[in-house]
Amino acid sequence: MKENNQFVTVAEVAFMHQADFVKTILENAGYEAFIFDETSCNVLPLPALESGGHIKIQVDEKNAAEAKQLLKENNCAEYLVEE
């Protein structure tokens, strides 16, 4: 039986290089991480900036608390999304 994963946003950033940095931290710790709507952010970066700079990094909901703690420990607390 296949498990349905629910992904939630744990961080929001203004620029793609920040999103890549946050995603790399998470992946290096073994978490599956995604940049929500990554293709659009790469092709059309201006809408993200116009909407307040919200490029979203997501992880599996069951790992969200641990992922946020990891980001805090890696000086990325400013990017965290509160629930």
PDB file of N, CA and C in Angstrom:
ATOM      1  N   MET A   1       0.842  -1.181   0.000  1.00  0.00           N
ATOM      2  CA  MET A   1       0.000   0.000   0.000  1.00  0.00           C
ATOM      3  C   MET A   1       0.889   1.246   0.000  1.00  0.00           C
ATOM      4  N   LYS A   2       0.622   2.147  -0.904  1.00  0.00           N
ATOM      5  CA  LYS A   2       1.421   3.358  -1.032  1.00  0.00           C
ATOM      6  C   LYS A   2       0.952   4.409  -0.035  1.00  0.00           C
ATOM      7  N   GLU A   3       1.924   5.035   0.605  1.00  0.00           N
ATOM      8  CA  GLU A   3       1.630   6.073   1.592  1.00  0.00           C
ATOM      9  C   GLU A   3       1.444   7.417   0.888  1.00  0.00           C
ATOM     10  N   ASN A   4       0.385   8.142   1.258  1.00  0.00           N
ATOM     11  CA  ASN A   4       0.161   9.477   0.721  1.00  0.00           C
ATOM     12  C   ASN A   4       0.850  10.490   1.619  1.00  0.00           C
ATOM     13  N   ASN A   5       1.809  11.189   1.068  1.00  0.00           N
ATOM     14  CA  ASN A   5       2.527  12.202   1.825  1.00  0.00           C
ATOM     15  C   ASN A   5       1.845  13.544   1.663  1.00  0.00           C
ATOM     16  N   GLN A   6       1.747  14.265   2.761  1.00  0.00           N
ATOM     17  CA  GLN A   6       1.209  15.610   2.753  1.00  0.00           C
ATOM     18  C   GLN A   6       2.387  16.547   2.974  1.00  0.00           C
ATOM     19  N   PHE A   7       2.658  17.422   2.026  1.00  0.00           N
ATOM     20  CA  PHE A   7       3.780  18.336   2.148  1.00  0.00           C
ATOM     21  C   PHE A   7       3.300  19.689   2.644  1.00  0.00           C
ATOM     22  N   VAL A   8       4.111  20.283   3.521  1.00  0.00           N
ATOM     23  CA  VAL A   8       3.781  21.572   4.110  1.00  0.00           C
ATOM     24  C   VAL A   8       4.962  22.518   3.939  1.00  0.00           C
ATOM     25  N   THR A   9       4.667  23.795   3.924  1.00  0.00           N
ATOM     26  CA  THR A   9       5.696  24.815   3.786  1.00  0.00           C
ATOM     27  C   THR A   9       6.359  25.050   5.141  1.00  0.00           C
ATOM     28  N   VAL A  10       7.686  24.931   5.168  1.00  0.00           N
ATOM     29  CA  VAL A  10       8.428  25.178   6.408  1.00  0.00           C
ATOM     30  C   VAL A  10       9.220  26.479   6.341  1.00  0.00           C
ATOM     31  N   ALA A  11       9.484  26.960   5.121  1.00  0.00           N
ATOM     32  CA  ALA A  11      10.261  28.188   4.968  1.00  0.00           C
ATOM     33  C   ALA A  11       9.827  28.931   3.719  1.00  0.00           C
ATOM     34  N   GLU A  12       9.986  30.251   3.763  1.00  0.00           N
ATOM     35  CA  GLU A  12       9.725  31.109   2.609  1.00  0.00           C
ATOM     36  C   GLU A  12      10.886  32.074   2.460  1.00  0.00           C
ATOM     37  N   VAL A  13      11.331  32.254   1.227  1.00  0.00           N
ATOM     38  CA  VAL A  13      12.476  33.121   0.945  1.00  0.00           C
ATOM     39  C   VAL A  13      12.151  34.031  -0.232  1.00  0.00           C
ATOM     40  N   ALA A  14      13.027  35.000  -0.468  1.00  0.00           N
ATOM     41  CA  ALA A  14      12.796  35.968  -1.538  1.00  0.00           C
ATOM     42  C   ALA A  14      13.492  35.597  -2.841  1.00  0.00           C
ATOM     43  N   PHE A  15      14.586  34.845  -2.763  1.00  0.00           N
ATOM     44  CA  PHE A  15      15.391  34.579  -3.954  1.00  0.00           C
ATOM     45  C   PHE A  15      15.661  33.088  -4.115  1.00  0.00           C
ATOM     46  N   MET A  16      15.825  32.671  -5.359  1.00  0.00           N
ATOM     47  CA  MET A  16      16.045  31.253  -5.635  1.00  0.00           C
ATOM     48  C   MET A  16      17.330  30.733  -5.002  1.00  0.00           C
ATOM     49  N   HIS A  17      18.390  31.535  -4.926  1.00  0.00           N
ATOM     50  CA  HIS A  17      19.616  31.021  -4.314  1.00  0.00           C
ATOM     51  C   HIS A  17      19.402  30.720  -2.834  1.00  0.00           C
ATOM     52  N   GLN A  18      18.515  31.479  -2.178  1.00  0.00           N
ATOM     53  CA  GLN A  18      18.187  31.189  -0.783  1.00  0.00           C
ATOM     54  C   GLN A  18      17.377  29.895  -0.690  1.00  0.00           C
ATOM     55  N   ALA A  19      16.449  29.726  -1.614  1.00  0.00           N
ATOM     56  CA  ALA A  19      15.637  28.505  -1.631  1.00  0.00           C
ATOM     57  C   ALA A  19      16.520  27.280  -1.851  1.00  0.00           C
ATOM     58  N   ASP A  20      17.455  27.388  -2.770  1.00  0.00           N
ATOM     59  CA  ASP A  20      18.375  26.274  -3.019  1.00  0.00           C
ATOM     60  C   ASP A  20      19.215  25.969  -1.782  1.00  0.00           C
ATOM     61  N   PHE A  21      19.642  27.011  -1.070  1.00  0.00           N
ATOM     62  CA  PHE A  21      20.442  26.838   0.139  1.00  0.00           C
ATOM     63  C   PHE A  21      19.646  26.097   1.211  1.00  0.00           C
ATOM     64  N   VAL A  22      18.418  26.543   1.455  1.00  0.00           N
ATOM     65  CA  VAL A  22      17.560  25.917   2.464  1.00  0.00           C
ATOM     66  C   VAL A  22      17.262  24.468   2.070  1.00  0.00           C
ATOM     67  N   LYS A  23      16.926  24.256   0.822  1.00  0.00           N
ATOM     68  CA  LYS A  23      16.629  22.901   0.337  1.00  0.00           C
ATOM     69  C   LYS A  23      17.842  21.989   0.522  1.00  0.00           C
ATOM     70  N   THR A  24      19.028  22.480   0.240  1.00  0.00           N
ATOM     71  CA  THR A  24      20.246  21.685   0.385  1.00  0.00           C
ATOM     72  C   THR A  24      20.486  21.292   1.838  1.00  0.00           C
ATOM     73  N   ILE A  25      20.271  22.212   2.757  1.00  0.00           N
ATOM     74  CA  ILE A  25      20.415  21.897   4.188  1.00  0.00           C
ATOM     75  C   ILE A  25      19.488  20.746   4.562  1.00  0.00           C
ATOM     76  N   LEU A  26      18.244  20.841   4.130  1.00  0.00           N
ATOM     77  CA  LEU A  26      17.262  19.815   4.459  1.00  0.00           C
ATOM     78  C   LEU A  26      17.622  18.470   3.823  1.00  0.00           C
ATOM     79  N   GLU A  27      17.979  18.496   2.555  1.00  0.00           N
ATOM     80  CA  GLU A  27      18.309  17.248   1.857  1.00  0.00           C
ATOM     81  C   GLU A  27      19.565  16.596   2.427  1.00  0.00           C
ATOM     82  N   ASN A  28      20.546  17.391   2.810  1.00  0.00           N
ATOM     83  CA  ASN A  28      21.772  16.832   3.387  1.00  0.00           C
ATOM     84  C   ASN A  28      21.516  16.147   4.724  1.00  0.00           C
ATOM     85  N   ALA A  29      20.440  16.545   5.392  1.00  0.00           N
ATOM     86  CA  ALA A  29      20.062  15.916   6.655  1.00  0.00           C
ATOM     87  C   ALA A  29      19.135  14.718   6.434  1.00  0.00           C
ATOM     88  N   GLY A  30      18.826  14.427   5.169  1.00  0.00           N
ATOM     89  CA  GLY A  30      18.015  13.256   4.861  1.00  0.00           C
ATOM     90  C   GLY A  30      16.537  13.511   4.661  1.00  0.00           C
ATOM     91  N   TYR A  31      16.132  14.763   4.641  1.00  0.00           N
ATOM     92  CA  TYR A  31      14.720  15.087   4.415  1.00  0.00           C
ATOM     93  C   TYR A  31      14.459  15.282   2.932  1.00  0.00           C
ATOM     94  N   GLU A  32      13.298  14.830   2.494  1.00  0.00           N
ATOM     95  CA  GLU A  32      12.868  15.090   1.127  1.00  0.00           C
ATOM     96  C   GLU A  32      12.288  16.495   1.117  1.00  0.00           C
ATOM     97  N   ALA A  33      12.876  17.378   0.323  1.00  0.00           N
ATOM     98  CA  ALA A  33      12.448  18.777   0.301  1.00  0.00           C
ATOM     99  C   ALA A  33      12.166  19.211  -1.133  1.00  0.00           C
ATOM    100  N   PHE A  34      11.212  20.116  -1.271  1.00  0.00           N
ATOM    101  CA  PHE A  34      10.815  20.629  -2.580  1.00  0.00           C
ATOM    102  C   PHE A  34      10.703  22.144  -2.534  1.00  0.00           C
ATOM    103  N   ILE A  35      11.003  22.764  -3.653  1.00  0.00           N
ATOM    104  CA  ILE A  35      10.712  24.184  -3.824  1.00  0.00           C
ATOM    105  C   ILE A  35       9.393  24.241  -4.567  1.00  0.00           C
ATOM    106  N   PHE A  36       8.368  24.728  -3.888  1.00  0.00           N
ATOM    107  CA  PHE A  36       7.026  24.766  -4.466  1.00  0.00           C
ATOM    108  C   PHE A  36       7.022  25.630  -5.714  1.00  0.00           C
ATOM    109  N   ASP A  37       6.513  25.077  -6.801  1.00  0.00           N
ATOM    110  CA  ASP A  37       6.402  25.784  -8.077  1.00  0.00           C
ATOM    111  C   ASP A  37       7.766  26.269  -8.567  1.00  0.00           C
ATOM    112  N   GLU A  38       8.773  25.399  -8.429  1.00  0.00           N
ATOM    113  CA  GLU A  38      10.156  25.761  -8.749  1.00  0.00           C
ATOM    114  C   GLU A  38      10.337  26.231 -10.185  1.00  0.00           C
ATOM    115  N   THR A  39       9.668  25.599 -11.120  1.00  0.00           N
ATOM    116  CA  THR A  39       9.821  25.977 -12.518  1.00  0.00           C
ATOM    117  C   THR A  39       9.373  27.413 -12.751  1.00  0.00           C
ATOM    118  N   SER A  40       8.228  27.778 -12.207  1.00  0.00           N
ATOM    119  CA  SER A  40       7.732  29.146 -12.376  1.00  0.00           C
ATOM    120  C   SER A  40       8.666  30.158 -11.733  1.00  0.00           C
ATOM    121  N   CYS A  41       9.218  29.807 -10.582  1.00  0.00           N
ATOM    122  CA  CYS A  41      10.135  30.722  -9.897  1.00  0.00           C
ATOM    123  C   CYS A  41      11.412  30.936 -10.698  1.00  0.00           C
ATOM    124  N   ASN A  42      11.847  29.916 -11.403  1.00  0.00           N
ATOM    125  CA  ASN A  42      13.053  30.044 -12.227  1.00  0.00           C
ATOM    126  C   ASN A  42      12.785  30.810 -13.519  1.00  0.00           C
ATOM    127  N   VAL A  43      11.629  30.573 -14.109  1.00  0.00           N
ATOM    128  CA  VAL A  43      11.309  31.201 -15.393  1.00  0.00           C
ATOM    129  C   VAL A  43      10.823  32.631 -15.206  1.00  0.00           C
ATOM    130  N   LEU A  44       9.979  32.840 -14.215  1.00  0.00           N
ATOM    131  CA  LEU A  44       9.391  34.155 -13.961  1.00  0.00           C
ATOM    132  C   LEU A  44       9.650  34.563 -12.513  1.00  0.00           C
ATOM    133  N   PRO A  45      10.860  34.995 -12.177  1.00  0.00           N
ATOM    134  CA  PRO A  45      11.164  35.312 -10.782  1.00  0.00           C
ATOM    135  C   PRO A  45      10.469  36.551 -10.241  1.00  0.00           C
ATOM    136  N   LEU A  46      10.036  37.442 -11.095  1.00  0.00           N
ATOM    137  CA  LEU A  46       9.443  38.691 -10.612  1.00  0.00           C
ATOM    138  C   LEU A  46       8.149  38.514  -9.828  1.00  0.00           C
ATOM    139  N   PRO A  47       7.246  37.605 -10.215  1.00  0.00           N
ATOM    140  CA  PRO A  47       6.033  37.462  -9.397  1.00  0.00           C
ATOM    141  C   PRO A  47       6.337  37.133  -7.937  1.00  0.00           C
ATOM    142  N   ALA A  48       7.383  36.363  -7.684  1.00  0.00           N
ATOM    143  CA  ALA A  48       7.736  36.041  -6.297  1.00  0.00           C
ATOM    144  C   ALA A  48       8.131  37.311  -5.547  1.00  0.00           C
ATOM    145  N   LEU A  49       8.871  38.155  -6.197  1.00  0.00           N
ATOM    146  CA  LEU A  49       9.289  39.398  -5.547  1.00  0.00           C
ATOM    147  C   LEU A  49       8.115  40.340  -5.356  1.00  0.00           C
ATOM    148  N   GLU A  50       7.237  40.390  -6.335  1.00  0.00           N
ATOM    149  CA  GLU A  50       6.081  41.277  -6.244  1.00  0.00           C
ATOM    150  C   GLU A  50       5.105  40.830  -5.163  1.00  0.00           C
ATOM    151  N   SER A  51       5.082  39.536  -4.863  1.00  0.00           N
ATOM    152  CA  SER A  51       4.158  39.036  -3.843  1.00  0.00           C
ATOM    153  C   SER A  51       4.797  39.017  -2.465  1.00  0.00           C
ATOM    154  N   GLY A  52       5.889  39.724  -2.306  1.00  0.00           N
ATOM    155  CA  GLY A  52       6.528  39.801  -1.006  1.00  0.00           C
ATOM    156  C   GLY A  52       7.662  38.821  -0.837  1.00  0.00           C
ATOM    157  N   GLY A  53       8.072  38.177  -1.904  1.00  0.00           N
ATOM    158  CA  GLY A  53       9.202  37.269  -1.840  1.00  0.00           C
ATOM    159  C   GLY A  53       8.885  35.973  -1.156  1.00  0.00           C
ATOM    160  N   HIS A  54       7.921  35.266  -1.664  1.00  0.00           N
ATOM    161  CA  HIS A  54       7.510  34.034  -1.023  1.00  0.00           C
ATOM    162  C   HIS A  54       7.753  32.811  -1.903  1.00  0.00           C
ATOM    163  N   ILE A  55       8.992  32.416  -2.006  1.00  0.00           N
ATOM    164  CA  ILE A  55       9.324  31.145  -2.631  1.00  0.00           C
ATOM    165  C   ILE A  55       9.267  30.134  -1.501  1.00  0.00           C
ATOM    166  N   LYS A  56       8.453  29.105  -1.661  1.00  0.00           N
ATOM    167  CA  LYS A  56       8.155  28.188  -0.565  1.00  0.00           C
ATOM    168  C   LYS A  56       8.985  26.908  -0.651  1.00  0.00           C
ATOM    169  N   ILE A  57       9.544  26.517   0.506  1.00  0.00           N
ATOM    170  CA  ILE A  57      10.261  25.251   0.607  1.00  0.00           C
ATOM    171  C   ILE A  57       9.393  24.337   1.459  1.00  0.00           C
ATOM    172  N   GLN A  58       9.137  23.131   0.934  1.00  0.00           N
ATOM    173  CA  GLN A  58       8.219  22.222   1.595  1.00  0.00           C
ATOM    174  C   GLN A  58       8.891  20.891   1.931  1.00  0.00           C
ATOM    175  N   VAL A  59       8.395  20.275   3.016  1.00  0.00           N
ATOM    176  CA  VAL A  59       8.815  18.939   3.423  1.00  0.00           C
ATOM    177  C   VAL A  59       7.573  18.148   3.800  1.00  0.00           C
ATOM    178  N   ASP A  60       7.751  16.849   3.969  1.00  0.00           N
ATOM    179  CA  ASP A  60       6.661  15.990   4.421  1.00  0.00           C
ATOM    180  C   ASP A  60       6.176  16.499   5.780  1.00  0.00           C
ATOM    181  N   GLU A  61       4.876  16.545   5.934  1.00  0.00           N
ATOM    182  CA  GLU A  61       4.273  17.082   7.157  1.00  0.00           C
ATOM    183  C   GLU A  61       4.814  16.403   8.417  1.00  0.00           C
ATOM    184  N   LYS A  62       5.056  15.112   8.348  1.00  0.00           N
ATOM    185  CA  LYS A  62       5.523  14.391   9.534  1.00  0.00           C
ATOM    186  C   LYS A  62       6.942  14.809   9.947  1.00  0.00           C
ATOM    187  N   ASN A  63       7.685  15.452   9.050  1.00  0.00           N
ATOM    188  CA  ASN A  63       9.051  15.903   9.337  1.00  0.00           C
ATOM    189  C   ASN A  63       9.155  17.409   9.561  1.00  0.00           C
ATOM    190  N   ALA A  64       8.040  18.110   9.535  1.00  0.00           N
ATOM    191  CA  ALA A  64       8.067  19.575   9.553  1.00  0.00           C
ATOM    192  C   ALA A  64       8.730  20.145  10.808  1.00  0.00           C
ATOM    193  N   ALA A  65       8.377  19.649  11.967  1.00  0.00           N
ATOM    194  CA  ALA A  65       8.944  20.197  13.209  1.00  0.00           C
ATOM    195  C   ALA A  65      10.451  19.977  13.262  1.00  0.00           C
ATOM    196  N   GLU A  66      10.901  18.783  12.898  1.00  0.00           N
ATOM    197  CA  GLU A  66      12.335  18.490  12.897  1.00  0.00           C
ATOM    198  C   GLU A  66      13.061  19.325  11.856  1.00  0.00           C
ATOM    199  N   ALA A  67      12.453  19.504  10.705  1.00  0.00           N
ATOM    200  CA  ALA A  67      13.073  20.303   9.644  1.00  0.00           C
ATOM    201  C   ALA A  67      13.223  21.751  10.080  1.00  0.00           C
ATOM    202  N   LYS A  68      12.205  22.296  10.734  1.00  0.00           N
ATOM    203  CA  LYS A  68      12.281  23.673  11.224  1.00  0.00           C
ATOM    204  C   LYS A  68      13.383  23.813  12.268  1.00  0.00           C
ATOM    205  N   GLN A  69      13.503  22.841  13.147  1.00  0.00           N
ATOM    206  CA  GLN A  69      14.558  22.887  14.149  1.00  0.00           C
ATOM    207  C   GLN A  69      15.929  22.866  13.486  1.00  0.00           C
ATOM    208  N   LEU A  70      16.082  22.026  12.467  1.00  0.00           N
ATOM    209  CA  LEU A  70      17.335  21.957  11.731  1.00  0.00           C
ATOM    210  C   LEU A  70      17.672  23.304  11.099  1.00  0.00           C
ATOM    211  N   LEU A  71      16.683  23.958  10.523  1.00  0.00           N
ATOM    212  CA  LEU A  71      16.919  25.258   9.898  1.00  0.00           C
ATOM    213  C   LEU A  71      17.300  26.306  10.945  1.00  0.00           C
ATOM    214  N   LYS A  72      16.684  26.252  12.109  1.00  0.00           N
ATOM    215  CA  LYS A  72      17.070  27.166  13.197  1.00  0.00           C
ATOM    216  C   LYS A  72      18.533  26.967  13.566  1.00  0.00           C
ATOM    217  N   GLU A  73      18.935  25.708  13.668  1.00  0.00           N
ATOM    218  CA  GLU A  73      20.310  25.378  14.051  1.00  0.00           C
ATOM    219  C   GLU A  73      21.328  25.781  12.980  1.00  0.00           C
ATOM    220  N   ASN A  74      20.852  26.002  11.755  1.00  0.00           N
ATOM    221  CA  ASN A  74      21.728  26.377  10.645  1.00  0.00           C
ATOM    222  C   ASN A  74      21.533  27.835  10.229  1.00  0.00           C
ATOM    223  N   ASN A  75      21.141  28.658  11.188  1.00  0.00           N
ATOM    224  CA  ASN A  75      21.008  30.109  10.976  1.00  0.00           C
ATOM    225  C   ASN A  75      20.024  30.489   9.885  1.00  0.00           C
ATOM    226  N   CYS A  76      18.944  29.741   9.777  1.00  0.00           N
ATOM    227  CA  CYS A  76      17.906  30.044   8.782  1.00  0.00           C
ATOM    228  C   CYS A  76      16.564  30.349   9.440  1.00  0.00           C
ATOM    229  N   ALA A  77      16.578  30.714  10.702  1.00  0.00           N
ATOM    230  CA  ALA A  77      15.329  30.976  11.435  1.00  0.00           C
ATOM    231  C   ALA A  77      14.494  32.080  10.802  1.00  0.00           C
ATOM    232  N   GLU A  78      15.156  33.039  10.168  1.00  0.00           N
ATOM    233  CA  GLU A  78      14.419  34.159   9.556  1.00  0.00           C
ATOM    234  C   GLU A  78      13.502  33.724   8.421  1.00  0.00           C
ATOM    235  N   TYR A  79      13.747  32.539   7.880  1.00  0.00           N
ATOM    236  CA  TYR A  79      12.950  32.049   6.751  1.00  0.00           C
ATOM    237  C   TYR A  79      11.777  31.173   7.182  1.00  0.00           C
ATOM    238  N   LEU A  80      11.712  30.809   8.448  1.00  0.00           N
ATOM    239  CA  LEU A  80      10.706  29.857   8.906  1.00  0.00           C
ATOM    240  C   LEU A  80       9.300  30.413   8.805  1.00  0.00           C
ATOM    241  N   VAL A  81       8.376  29.522   8.498  1.00  0.00           N
ATOM    242  CA  VAL A  81       6.952  29.843   8.421  1.00  0.00           C
ATOM    243  C   VAL A  81       6.305  29.313   9.689  1.00  0.00           C
ATOM    244  N   GLU A  82       5.614  30.177  10.390  1.00  0.00           N
ATOM    245  CA  GLU A  82       4.893  29.749  11.582  1.00  0.00           C
ATOM    246  C   GLU A  82       3.527  29.244  11.171  1.00  0.00           C
ATOM    247  N   GLU A  83       3.045  28.285  11.896  1.00  0.00           N
ATOM    248  CA  GLU A  83       1.749  27.646  11.567  1.00  0.00           C
ATOM    249  C   GLU A  83       0.585  28.459  11.999  1.00  0.00           C
TER     250      GLU A  83
END
